[in-house]
Amino acid sequence: MSNINTLDKDIKVPKHRDIRSLPGFSWFSLGFFIYLYLPLFILVIFSFNSSISATVWESFSVAWYFKAFANDDIQRAAKNSMIIAVFATLFATIFATMAALAIGRSKKIKYKSVFTGVIILPLMIPEIVTAVATLTFFSAIGLSLGLGNIIIAHTVFCIPFAYMPIRARLQGMDEGLEVAAQDLYANKSDTLRLITLPLLAPGIFSGAMLAFIISIDDFIITLMVAEAGANTLPIYIYGIVRKGITPEINAVSTILLIISIIFVTLSYWIGKKR
């Protein structure tokens, strides 16, 4: 018996190792992040270049930012992008909230996982497929609403991005609070207005910010469904870049990058608030 105990002690059971402890993993990660973010860093640096060349540094200057803000075409494209993003965010957030409440709180809906999968399906489908399908649908029904076409397309595409934070927030809420409100003679509408939505507000704001930044940065779907004169900022940048990169475009891209970082950070921070 003692020999068996001694043998058991000699056998070393392999422990699960963290992938970060593998040899060379830290250097691989460092190289990956350098490859991912170094071009963005270079773009930001050269947006402050006083030279007309986008690749040759001359001296520090913010003149290209003033020139970008004074450009009528950029102003028009930015205005279109803001209009589309605001309306698409509003509609997508409303639909996403309704879907999350219906799936998360309704006792009558069966196969909830199937409905959830259908809602988040656009996240898994290549965006070019969604763009072509949307364009085909609009052409088939003869829809021609100018910016309205882009708003509809962005709304549908942004619903999953708004839905995920709202759904996650709803799952983390104590359903007993809503039951307690109804026990205290609150009807369903009062419970929704006074209990559910205020508790769900961080998730709603988080989802809305994600939807906004996805809409304002979208290029492929916008390029497919946009009609003449309905240029957005990403489409304008693409059109100019085809002729050659200038520090003015670097400045506009830097502004879009900063806006994206701010909104994604706020979305994450608000979504984590209890």
Protein backbone atom coordinates (compact mmCIF):
# COMPACT_ATOMS: atom_id res chain seq x y z
CA MET A 1 0.00 0.00 0.00
CA SER A 2 2.84 2.33 0.84
CA ASN A 3 4.43 1.58 -2.54
CA ILE A 4 1.21 2.64 -4.29
CA ASN A 5 1.11 5.91 -2.33
CA THR A 6 4.74 6.55 -3.19
CA LEU A 7 4.04 5.86 -6.88
CA ASP A 8 1.09 8.29 -6.83
CA LYS A 9 3.31 11.01 -5.43
CA ASP A 10 5.89 10.44 -8.14
CA ILE A 11 3.33 10.84 -10.93
CA LYS A 12 3.15 14.50 -11.93
CA VAL A 13 -0.20 15.60 -13.28
CA PRO A 14 0.26 18.21 -16.03
CA LYS A 15 -1.28 21.52 -15.13
CA HIS A 16 -3.17 23.75 -17.52
CA ARG A 17 -0.86 26.48 -18.71
CA ASP A 18 -1.81 29.99 -19.64
CA ILE A 19 -1.20 30.61 -23.35
CA ARG A 20 0.68 33.76 -22.37
CA SER A 21 3.39 31.60 -20.78
CA LEU A 22 4.30 29.94 -24.09
CA PRO A 23 7.78 30.84 -25.37
CA GLY A 24 7.73 33.73 -27.82
CA PHE A 25 4.05 34.54 -27.30
CA SER A 26 4.76 37.98 -25.85
CA TRP A 27 6.93 38.91 -28.84
CA PHE A 28 4.33 37.59 -31.23
CA SER A 29 1.66 39.70 -29.50
CA LEU A 30 3.88 42.77 -29.60
CA GLY A 31 4.51 42.29 -33.32
CA PHE A 32 0.79 41.85 -33.95
CA PHE A 33 -0.12 45.11 -32.18
CA ILE A 34 2.69 47.00 -33.94
CA TYR A 35 1.45 45.71 -37.31
CA LEU A 36 -2.12 46.66 -36.41
CA TYR A 37 -1.62 50.12 -34.93
CA LEU A 38 1.59 51.47 -36.47
CA PRO A 39 -0.16 52.56 -39.72
CA LEU A 40 -2.75 54.45 -37.66
CA PHE A 41 0.00 56.12 -35.65
CA ILE A 42 1.80 57.15 -38.85
CA LEU A 43 -1.45 58.52 -40.31
CA VAL A 44 -1.99 60.70 -37.23
CA ILE A 45 1.61 61.95 -37.28
CA PHE A 46 1.51 62.93 -40.97
CA SER A 47 -1.83 64.70 -40.53
CA PHE A 48 0.24 67.41 -38.79
CA ASN A 49 2.72 67.67 -41.65
CA SER A 50 3.05 71.11 -43.21
CA SER A 51 4.22 69.65 -46.53
CA ILE A 52 1.77 68.96 -49.33
CA SER A 53 3.26 65.47 -49.55
CA ALA A 54 1.57 62.85 -47.42
CA THR A 55 4.74 60.78 -47.00
CA VAL A 56 7.55 63.34 -46.65
CA TRP A 57 7.78 65.10 -43.30
CA GLU A 58 8.65 68.80 -43.39
CA SER A 59 7.49 70.49 -40.18
CA PHE A 60 4.65 70.49 -37.66
CA SER A 61 1.46 72.28 -38.69
CA VAL A 62 -2.31 72.14 -38.11
CA ALA A 63 -3.09 73.97 -41.35
CA TRP A 64 -4.55 70.85 -42.98
CA TYR A 65 -7.17 70.58 -40.23
CA PHE A 66 -8.32 74.15 -40.88
CA LYS A 67 -8.35 73.44 -44.60
CA ALA A 68 -10.41 70.28 -44.05
CA PHE A 69 -12.97 72.13 -41.91
CA ALA A 70 -13.24 74.86 -44.57
CA ASN A 71 -13.77 72.37 -47.41
CA ASP A 72 -17.39 72.57 -48.62
CA ASP A 73 -17.37 69.01 -49.97
CA ILE A 74 -16.12 67.62 -46.66
CA GLN A 75 -18.71 69.64 -44.76
CA ARG A 76 -21.47 68.32 -47.00
CA ALA A 77 -20.28 64.72 -46.66
CA ALA A 78 -19.89 65.07 -42.89
CA LYS A 79 -23.41 66.51 -42.60
CA ASN A 80 -24.82 63.57 -44.57
CA SER A 81 -22.91 61.13 -42.36
CA MET A 82 -24.25 62.75 -39.19
CA ILE A 83 -27.86 62.77 -40.43
CA ILE A 84 -27.66 59.12 -41.46
CA ALA A 85 -25.90 58.04 -38.24
CA VAL A 86 -28.35 59.87 -35.95
CA PHE A 87 -31.48 58.46 -37.57
CA ALA A 88 -30.02 54.97 -38.04
CA THR A 89 -28.90 54.94 -34.39
CA LEU A 90 -32.32 56.08 -33.18
CA PHE A 91 -34.26 53.48 -35.16
CA ALA A 92 -31.76 50.65 -34.56
CA THR A 93 -31.71 51.29 -30.81
CA ILE A 94 -35.51 51.36 -30.58
CA PHE A 95 -35.86 48.10 -32.53
CA ALA A 96 -33.02 46.47 -30.60
CA THR A 97 -34.56 47.45 -27.25
CA MET A 98 -37.95 46.11 -28.29
CA ALA A 99 -36.37 42.86 -29.48
CA ALA A 100 -34.34 42.45 -26.28
CA LEU A 101 -37.39 43.04 -24.08
CA ALA A 102 -39.55 40.69 -26.13
CA ILE A 103 -36.99 37.88 -26.08
CA GLY A 104 -35.76 38.47 -22.55
CA ARG A 105 -39.04 39.06 -20.74
CA SER A 106 -41.86 37.51 -22.77
CA LYS A 107 -43.05 34.11 -21.57
CA LYS A 108 -45.00 33.43 -24.76
CA ILE A 109 -42.07 33.41 -27.18
CA LYS A 110 -40.59 29.98 -27.82
CA TYR A 111 -37.22 29.15 -29.38
CA LYS A 112 -35.68 32.37 -28.11
CA SER A 113 -32.20 31.24 -29.08
CA VAL A 114 -33.36 30.97 -32.69
CA PHE A 115 -34.68 34.54 -32.69
CA THR A 116 -31.47 35.77 -31.07
CA GLY A 117 -29.44 34.02 -33.75
CA VAL A 118 -31.53 35.64 -36.49
CA ILE A 119 -30.99 39.09 -34.97
CA ILE A 120 -27.20 38.76 -34.70
CA LEU A 121 -26.87 37.01 -38.08
CA PRO A 122 -25.66 40.21 -39.86
CA LEU A 123 -22.60 40.12 -37.60
CA MET A 124 -21.54 36.80 -39.13
CA ILE A 125 -22.46 37.45 -42.76
CA PRO A 126 -19.77 39.21 -44.85
CA GLU A 127 -20.71 42.87 -45.18
CA ILE A 128 -20.37 42.78 -48.96
CA VAL A 129 -23.07 40.08 -49.07
CA THR A 130 -25.37 42.24 -46.96
CA ALA A 131 -24.64 45.24 -49.19
CA VAL A 132 -25.40 43.37 -52.43
CA ALA A 133 -28.57 41.85 -50.96
CA THR A 134 -29.77 45.26 -49.78
CA LEU A 135 -29.05 46.85 -53.14
CA THR A 136 -30.91 44.04 -54.93
CA PHE A 137 -33.90 44.43 -52.62
CA PHE A 138 -34.06 48.21 -53.08
CA SER A 139 -33.79 47.81 -56.86
CA ALA A 140 -36.52 45.15 -56.90
CA ILE A 141 -39.04 47.35 -55.07
CA GLY A 142 -37.93 50.54 -56.80
CA LEU A 143 -37.00 52.33 -53.58
CA SER A 144 -35.37 55.71 -54.20
CA LEU A 145 -35.30 57.90 -51.10
CA GLY A 146 -31.84 59.48 -51.33
CA LEU A 147 -30.37 59.45 -47.86
CA GLY A 148 -33.39 57.41 -46.77
CA ASN A 149 -32.02 54.35 -48.56
CA ILE A 150 -28.79 54.56 -46.58
CA ILE A 151 -30.68 55.16 -43.31
CA ILE A 152 -32.80 52.04 -43.84
CA ALA A 153 -29.75 49.94 -44.76
CA HIS A 154 -27.75 51.22 -41.79
CA THR A 155 -30.65 50.69 -39.40
CA VAL A 156 -30.93 47.03 -40.32
CA PHE A 157 -27.16 46.54 -40.17
CA CYS A 158 -26.77 48.35 -36.82
CA ILE A 159 -29.56 46.51 -34.96
CA PRO A 160 -27.28 43.60 -33.88
CA PHE A 161 -24.62 46.02 -32.59
CA ALA A 162 -27.21 47.82 -30.48
CA TYR A 163 -28.92 44.59 -29.45
CA MET A 164 -25.90 42.85 -27.88
CA PRO A 165 -25.17 45.39 -25.07
CA ILE A 166 -28.89 45.82 -24.37
CA ARG A 167 -29.45 42.07 -24.19
CA ALA A 168 -26.40 41.63 -21.94
CA ARG A 169 -27.63 44.36 -19.61
CA LEU A 170 -31.11 42.83 -19.48
CA GLN A 171 -29.72 39.41 -18.56
CA GLY A 172 -27.80 40.95 -15.68
CA MET A 173 -30.85 42.70 -14.23
CA ASP A 174 -32.79 41.29 -11.30
CA GLU A 175 -36.19 40.33 -12.71
CA GLY A 176 -37.51 40.24 -9.14
CA LEU A 177 -37.57 44.06 -9.10
CA GLU A 178 -40.11 44.09 -11.92
CA VAL A 179 -42.17 41.40 -10.20
CA ALA A 180 -42.07 43.41 -6.97
CA ALA A 181 -43.30 46.51 -8.81
CA GLN A 182 -46.27 44.59 -10.18
CA ASP A 183 -46.98 43.19 -6.71
CA LEU A 184 -47.21 46.83 -5.58
CA TYR A 185 -50.03 47.39 -8.13
CA ALA A 186 -47.90 48.85 -10.92
CA ASN A 187 -49.23 47.89 -14.35
CA LYS A 188 -46.94 46.64 -17.13
CA SER A 189 -46.46 50.04 -18.74
CA ASP A 190 -45.55 51.68 -15.41
CA THR A 191 -43.15 48.84 -14.61
CA LEU A 192 -41.50 49.27 -18.01
CA ARG A 193 -41.30 53.06 -17.69
CA LEU A 194 -40.26 53.32 -14.03
CA ILE A 195 -38.26 50.15 -13.40
CA THR A 196 -37.11 48.30 -16.51
CA LEU A 197 -36.02 51.13 -18.80
CA PRO A 198 -34.13 53.13 -16.12
CA LEU A 199 -32.21 49.99 -15.13
CA LEU A 200 -31.67 49.16 -18.78
CA ALA A 201 -30.51 52.68 -19.68
CA PRO A 202 -26.73 52.00 -19.53
CA GLY A 203 -27.15 49.11 -21.97
CA ILE A 204 -29.33 51.23 -24.25
CA PHE A 205 -26.80 54.08 -24.32
CA SER A 206 -23.95 51.63 -24.85
CA GLY A 207 -25.75 49.99 -27.76
CA ALA A 208 -26.69 53.36 -29.26
CA MET A 209 -23.06 54.52 -29.23
CA LEU A 210 -21.91 51.33 -30.93
CA ALA A 211 -24.64 51.69 -33.56
CA PHE A 212 -23.70 55.34 -34.14
CA ILE A 213 -20.02 54.67 -34.70
CA ILE A 214 -20.74 51.65 -36.94
CA SER A 215 -23.07 53.80 -39.05
CA ILE A 216 -20.81 56.83 -39.35
CA ASP A 217 -17.79 54.66 -40.29
CA ASP A 218 -19.58 52.29 -42.67
CA PHE A 219 -18.29 52.22 -46.23
CA ILE A 220 -19.28 49.05 -48.11
CA ILE A 221 -23.05 49.14 -47.56
CA THR A 222 -23.12 52.90 -48.07
CA LEU A 223 -21.18 52.63 -51.32
CA MET A 224 -23.63 50.05 -52.63
CA VAL A 225 -26.93 51.72 -51.76
CA ALA A 226 -26.01 55.42 -51.99
CA GLU A 227 -27.60 57.35 -54.82
CA ALA A 228 -26.03 60.27 -56.67
CA GLY A 229 -25.38 63.20 -54.36
CA ALA A 230 -25.72 61.10 -51.20
CA ASN A 231 -22.02 60.98 -50.39
CA THR A 232 -20.92 60.30 -46.85
CA LEU A 233 -17.52 61.02 -45.33
CA PRO A 234 -16.08 57.49 -45.90
CA ILE A 235 -17.21 57.58 -49.55
CA TYR A 236 -15.71 61.05 -50.01
CA ILE A 237 -12.41 59.89 -48.50
CA TYR A 238 -12.38 56.87 -50.80
CA GLY A 239 -12.96 59.05 -53.84
CA ILE A 240 -10.11 61.39 -52.94
CA VAL A 241 -7.69 58.60 -52.01
CA ARG A 242 -8.10 57.08 -55.49
CA LYS A 243 -6.50 60.26 -56.84
CA GLY A 244 -3.76 60.35 -54.23
CA ILE A 245 -3.34 60.68 -50.47
CA THR A 246 -2.98 64.20 -49.10
CA PRO A 247 -2.42 65.51 -45.56
CA GLU A 248 -5.97 66.88 -45.71
CA ILE A 249 -7.33 63.34 -45.97
CA ASN A 250 -5.01 62.30 -43.15
CA ALA A 251 -6.54 65.05 -41.01
CA VAL A 252 -10.11 63.95 -41.77
CA SER A 253 -9.20 60.31 -41.10
CA THR A 254 -7.60 61.28 -37.80
CA ILE A 255 -10.77 63.07 -36.72
CA LEU A 256 -12.84 59.98 -37.59
CA LEU A 257 -10.38 57.82 -35.67
CA ILE A 258 -10.62 60.02 -32.56
CA ILE A 259 -14.43 60.03 -32.73
CA SER A 260 -14.44 56.23 -33.03
CA ILE A 261 -12.13 55.80 -30.05
CA ILE A 262 -14.21 58.16 -27.91
CA PHE A 263 -17.52 56.47 -28.72
CA VAL A 264 -16.21 52.92 -28.31
CA THR A 265 -14.61 53.85 -24.98
CA LEU A 266 -17.80 55.51 -23.75
CA SER A 267 -19.84 52.53 -24.91
CA TYR A 268 -17.61 50.14 -22.95
CA TRP A 269 -17.53 52.38 -19.86
CA ILE A 270 -21.28 53.00 -19.76
CA GLY A 271 -22.04 49.32 -20.44
CA LYS A 272 -19.97 48.36 -17.39
CA LYS A 273 -21.74 50.75 -15.02
CA ARG A 274 -23.94 49.05 -12.46
